[in-house]
C-alpha cells in the first residue's frame, strides 16, 4: 500500500508546481508560438479539468478567481495527507 502512496505524493506536488506555474505565467503577456505560451497552454490543459467544475460552484470576487485558491489549498491538503500516511 505504501509503495503506491509515495508516487501519489510526488504527483500531488508536481500538480501544485504546474498550478503555480500557470498562475505566474498568467501575469505576463504571451506571444503565440513562443515557448512560454506553449508552457502556459500545457499548464492550462493539465489544471483546467480541476478548476472548471469549481468555477461553476464558487463565484469570483471581481477579477479574482477564488476557485483557483480553493483548488490549490485542496490539492495541498490532500498531498500532505498522503505524506502523513506514508510517514506513519
N, C-alpha and C. Protein backbone atom coordinates (compact mmCIF):
# COMPACT_ATOMS: atom_id res chain seq x y z
N UNK A 1 0.82 -1.20 0.00
CA UNK A 1 0.00 0.00 0.00
C UNK A 1 0.86 1.26 0.00
N UNK A 2 1.94 1.24 0.81
CA UNK A 2 2.77 2.43 0.92
C UNK A 2 3.58 2.70 -0.35
N UNK A 3 3.86 1.67 -1.11
CA UNK A 3 4.59 1.87 -2.36
C UNK A 3 3.73 2.66 -3.35
N UNK A 4 2.41 2.63 -3.16
CA UNK A 4 1.52 3.38 -4.04
C UNK A 4 1.38 4.84 -3.59
N UNK A 5 1.53 5.09 -2.31
CA UNK A 5 1.31 6.43 -1.78
C UNK A 5 2.44 7.41 -2.11
N UNK A 6 3.67 6.94 -2.14
CA UNK A 6 4.78 7.85 -2.43
C UNK A 6 4.67 8.46 -3.83
N UNK A 7 4.37 7.68 -4.88
CA UNK A 7 4.17 8.32 -6.19
C UNK A 7 2.97 9.27 -6.21
N UNK A 8 1.92 8.97 -5.45
CA UNK A 8 0.78 9.89 -5.37
C UNK A 8 1.18 11.20 -4.73
N UNK A 9 2.03 11.13 -3.72
CA UNK A 9 2.53 12.36 -3.09
C UNK A 9 3.34 13.16 -4.10
N UNK A 10 4.20 12.49 -4.85
CA UNK A 10 5.03 13.17 -5.84
C UNK A 10 4.16 13.80 -6.93
N UNK A 11 3.14 13.09 -7.38
CA UNK A 11 2.25 13.64 -8.40
C UNK A 11 1.48 14.86 -7.86
N UNK A 12 1.08 14.80 -6.60
CA UNK A 12 0.40 15.94 -6.00
C UNK A 12 1.29 17.17 -5.95
N UNK A 13 2.54 16.98 -5.59
CA UNK A 13 3.47 18.11 -5.53
C UNK A 13 3.75 18.65 -6.94
N UNK A 14 3.90 17.77 -7.91
CA UNK A 14 4.11 18.23 -9.29
C UNK A 14 2.90 19.00 -9.79
N UNK A 15 1.69 18.56 -9.42
CA UNK A 15 0.48 19.27 -9.82
C UNK A 15 0.46 20.67 -9.21
N UNK A 16 0.91 20.79 -7.96
CA UNK A 16 0.99 22.10 -7.33
C UNK A 16 1.99 23.01 -8.06
N UNK A 17 3.08 22.45 -8.51
CA UNK A 17 4.07 23.23 -9.26
C UNK A 17 3.47 23.70 -10.58
N UNK A 18 2.72 22.83 -11.26
CA UNK A 18 2.08 23.22 -12.52
C UNK A 18 1.04 24.32 -12.27
N UNK A 19 0.29 24.21 -11.17
CA UNK A 19 -0.69 25.24 -10.85
C UNK A 19 0.00 26.58 -10.57
N UNK A 20 1.10 26.53 -9.84
CA UNK A 20 1.85 27.76 -9.55
C UNK A 20 2.44 28.35 -10.83
N UNK A 21 2.93 27.50 -11.70
CA UNK A 21 3.47 27.96 -12.99
C UNK A 21 2.40 28.65 -13.81
N UNK A 22 1.22 28.07 -13.83
CA UNK A 22 0.11 28.69 -14.56
C UNK A 22 -0.24 30.05 -13.97
N UNK A 23 -0.25 30.14 -12.65
CA UNK A 23 -0.58 31.41 -12.01
C UNK A 23 0.45 32.47 -12.34
N UNK A 24 1.72 32.13 -12.30
CA UNK A 24 2.78 33.11 -12.59
C UNK A 24 2.72 33.53 -14.05
N UNK A 25 2.58 32.58 -14.96
CA UNK A 25 2.57 32.91 -16.38
C UNK A 25 1.33 33.72 -16.79
N UNK A 26 0.26 33.63 -16.01
CA UNK A 26 -0.94 34.37 -16.37
C UNK A 26 -0.77 35.88 -16.19
N UNK A 27 0.28 36.30 -15.47
CA UNK A 27 0.51 37.72 -15.26
C UNK A 27 1.29 38.38 -16.40
N UNK A 28 1.84 37.58 -17.30
CA UNK A 28 2.67 38.11 -18.38
C UNK A 28 1.97 38.01 -19.72
N UNK A 29 2.18 39.00 -20.59
CA UNK A 29 1.63 38.86 -21.95
C UNK A 29 2.43 37.81 -22.72
N UNK A 30 1.73 36.89 -23.34
CA UNK A 30 2.40 35.80 -24.04
C UNK A 30 2.11 35.89 -25.53
N UNK A 31 3.16 35.86 -26.31
CA UNK A 31 3.00 35.88 -27.77
C UNK A 31 2.76 34.46 -28.26
N UNK A 32 1.80 34.28 -29.16
CA UNK A 32 1.53 32.93 -29.68
C UNK A 32 2.76 32.32 -30.34
N UNK A 33 2.95 31.04 -30.09
CA UNK A 33 4.06 30.32 -30.71
C UNK A 33 5.34 30.32 -29.91
N UNK A 34 5.43 31.14 -28.86
CA UNK A 34 6.64 31.16 -28.05
C UNK A 34 6.63 29.99 -27.07
N UNK A 35 7.80 29.72 -26.52
CA UNK A 35 7.92 28.62 -25.56
C UNK A 35 7.07 28.87 -24.33
N UNK A 36 7.06 30.10 -23.84
CA UNK A 36 6.27 30.40 -22.66
C UNK A 36 4.77 30.23 -22.92
N UNK A 37 4.32 30.55 -24.13
CA UNK A 37 2.92 30.36 -24.48
C UNK A 37 2.57 28.88 -24.54
N UNK A 38 3.50 28.07 -25.03
CA UNK A 38 3.27 26.63 -25.09
C UNK A 38 3.23 26.03 -23.69
N UNK A 39 4.10 26.51 -22.81
CA UNK A 39 4.11 26.03 -21.42
C UNK A 39 2.80 26.44 -20.74
N UNK A 40 2.35 27.67 -20.97
CA UNK A 40 1.10 28.11 -20.37
C UNK A 40 -0.07 27.28 -20.89
N UNK A 41 -0.09 27.01 -22.18
CA UNK A 41 -1.17 26.19 -22.75
C UNK A 41 -1.16 24.80 -22.13
N UNK A 42 0.00 24.20 -21.99
CA UNK A 42 0.12 22.88 -21.39
C UNK A 42 -0.37 22.91 -19.93
N UNK A 43 0.04 23.94 -19.17
CA UNK A 43 -0.40 24.03 -17.78
C UNK A 43 -1.91 24.27 -17.71
N UNK A 44 -2.46 24.98 -18.68
CA UNK A 44 -3.91 25.20 -18.73
C UNK A 44 -4.63 23.88 -18.96
N UNK A 45 -4.14 23.08 -19.91
CA UNK A 45 -4.77 21.80 -20.23
C UNK A 45 -4.71 20.86 -19.03
N UNK A 46 -3.62 20.89 -18.29
CA UNK A 46 -3.46 19.99 -17.15
C UNK A 46 -4.32 20.40 -15.96
N UNK A 47 -4.43 21.69 -15.70
CA UNK A 47 -5.12 22.15 -14.49
C UNK A 47 -6.59 22.48 -14.69
N UNK A 48 -7.02 22.74 -15.90
CA UNK A 48 -8.40 23.16 -16.13
C UNK A 48 -9.45 22.11 -15.76
N UNK A 49 -9.18 20.81 -15.93
CA UNK A 49 -10.20 19.83 -15.52
C UNK A 49 -10.56 19.91 -14.02
N UNK A 50 -9.66 20.34 -13.20
CA UNK A 50 -9.96 20.52 -11.78
C UNK A 50 -10.62 21.88 -11.52
N UNK A 51 -10.19 22.90 -12.23
CA UNK A 51 -10.68 24.25 -11.96
C UNK A 51 -12.04 24.54 -12.56
N UNK A 52 -12.35 23.99 -13.71
CA UNK A 52 -13.63 24.29 -14.38
C UNK A 52 -14.86 23.94 -13.53
N UNK A 53 -14.91 22.75 -12.91
CA UNK A 53 -16.08 22.47 -12.07
C UNK A 53 -16.16 23.37 -10.84
N UNK A 54 -15.02 23.75 -10.30
CA UNK A 54 -15.03 24.65 -9.13
C UNK A 54 -15.54 26.03 -9.50
N UNK A 55 -15.23 26.49 -10.70
CA UNK A 55 -15.70 27.81 -11.13
C UNK A 55 -17.21 27.88 -11.24
N UNK A 56 -17.84 26.73 -11.51
CA UNK A 56 -19.30 26.70 -11.59
C UNK A 56 -19.93 26.84 -10.22
N UNK A 57 -19.21 26.43 -9.18
CA UNK A 57 -19.75 26.44 -7.82
C UNK A 57 -19.33 27.68 -7.04
N UNK A 58 -18.06 28.08 -7.19
CA UNK A 58 -17.51 29.18 -6.42
C UNK A 58 -17.55 30.46 -7.25
N UNK A 59 -18.22 31.49 -6.77
CA UNK A 59 -18.26 32.74 -7.54
C UNK A 59 -16.94 33.50 -7.44
N UNK A 60 -16.64 34.26 -8.47
CA UNK A 60 -15.44 35.09 -8.48
C UNK A 60 -15.70 36.36 -7.68
N UNK A 61 -14.66 36.88 -7.07
CA UNK A 61 -14.74 38.15 -6.36
C UNK A 61 -14.14 39.22 -7.26
N UNK A 62 -14.97 39.82 -8.07
CA UNK A 62 -14.47 40.80 -9.04
C UNK A 62 -13.66 40.10 -10.11
N UNK A 63 -12.37 40.45 -10.18
CA UNK A 63 -11.49 39.81 -11.15
C UNK A 63 -10.63 38.71 -10.54
N UNK A 64 -10.83 38.44 -9.26
CA UNK A 64 -10.03 37.42 -8.57
C UNK A 64 -10.76 36.08 -8.64
N UNK A 65 -10.07 35.08 -9.12
CA UNK A 65 -10.62 33.73 -9.26
C UNK A 65 -10.37 32.97 -7.96
N UNK A 66 -11.35 32.93 -7.08
CA UNK A 66 -11.22 32.26 -5.79
C UNK A 66 -11.14 30.75 -5.95
N UNK A 67 -11.73 30.21 -7.00
CA UNK A 67 -11.71 28.77 -7.20
C UNK A 67 -10.27 28.26 -7.36
N UNK A 68 -9.41 29.08 -7.91
CA UNK A 68 -8.01 28.69 -8.05
C UNK A 68 -7.36 28.49 -6.68
N UNK A 69 -7.62 29.41 -5.76
CA UNK A 69 -7.06 29.30 -4.42
C UNK A 69 -7.63 28.09 -3.68
N UNK A 70 -8.90 27.85 -3.84
CA UNK A 70 -9.53 26.69 -3.20
C UNK A 70 -8.94 25.40 -3.74
N UNK A 71 -8.76 25.31 -5.05
CA UNK A 71 -8.17 24.12 -5.65
C UNK A 71 -6.74 23.92 -5.19
N UNK A 72 -5.98 24.99 -5.12
CA UNK A 72 -4.58 24.89 -4.69
C UNK A 72 -4.50 24.39 -3.26
N UNK A 73 -5.31 24.96 -2.38
CA UNK A 73 -5.30 24.54 -0.98
C UNK A 73 -5.80 23.11 -0.85
N UNK A 74 -6.83 22.75 -1.62
CA UNK A 74 -7.35 21.38 -1.58
C UNK A 74 -6.32 20.36 -2.03
N UNK A 75 -5.65 20.63 -3.13
CA UNK A 75 -4.61 19.70 -3.61
C UNK A 75 -3.47 19.62 -2.60
N UNK A 76 -3.12 20.74 -2.00
CA UNK A 76 -2.06 20.75 -1.00
C UNK A 76 -2.45 19.90 0.21
N UNK A 77 -3.67 20.07 0.71
CA UNK A 77 -4.11 19.32 1.88
C UNK A 77 -4.17 17.81 1.60
N UNK A 78 -4.67 17.44 0.43
CA UNK A 78 -4.69 16.02 0.07
C UNK A 78 -3.28 15.47 -0.05
N UNK A 79 -2.38 16.23 -0.63
CA UNK A 79 -0.99 15.79 -0.78
C UNK A 79 -0.32 15.63 0.58
N UNK A 80 -0.54 16.56 1.48
CA UNK A 80 0.04 16.45 2.81
C UNK A 80 -0.56 15.27 3.57
N UNK A 81 -1.84 15.00 3.37
CA UNK A 81 -2.49 13.86 4.00
C UNK A 81 -1.85 12.56 3.49
N UNK A 82 -1.59 12.48 2.20
CA UNK A 82 -0.94 11.29 1.64
C UNK A 82 0.46 11.15 2.23
N UNK A 83 1.17 12.26 2.40
CA UNK A 83 2.50 12.20 3.01
C UNK A 83 2.41 11.69 4.44
N UNK A 84 1.40 12.12 5.17
CA UNK A 84 1.23 11.64 6.55
C UNK A 84 0.98 10.14 6.56
N UNK A 85 0.26 9.63 5.58
CA UNK A 85 0.04 8.18 5.51
C UNK A 85 1.33 7.43 5.20
N UNK A 86 2.19 8.05 4.39
CA UNK A 86 3.46 7.42 4.05
C UNK A 86 4.37 7.38 5.26
N UNK A 87 4.41 8.46 6.02
CA UNK A 87 5.30 8.55 7.18
C UNK A 87 4.84 7.63 8.30
N UNK A 88 3.54 7.56 8.51
CA UNK A 88 3.01 6.71 9.59
C UNK A 88 3.10 5.30 9.17
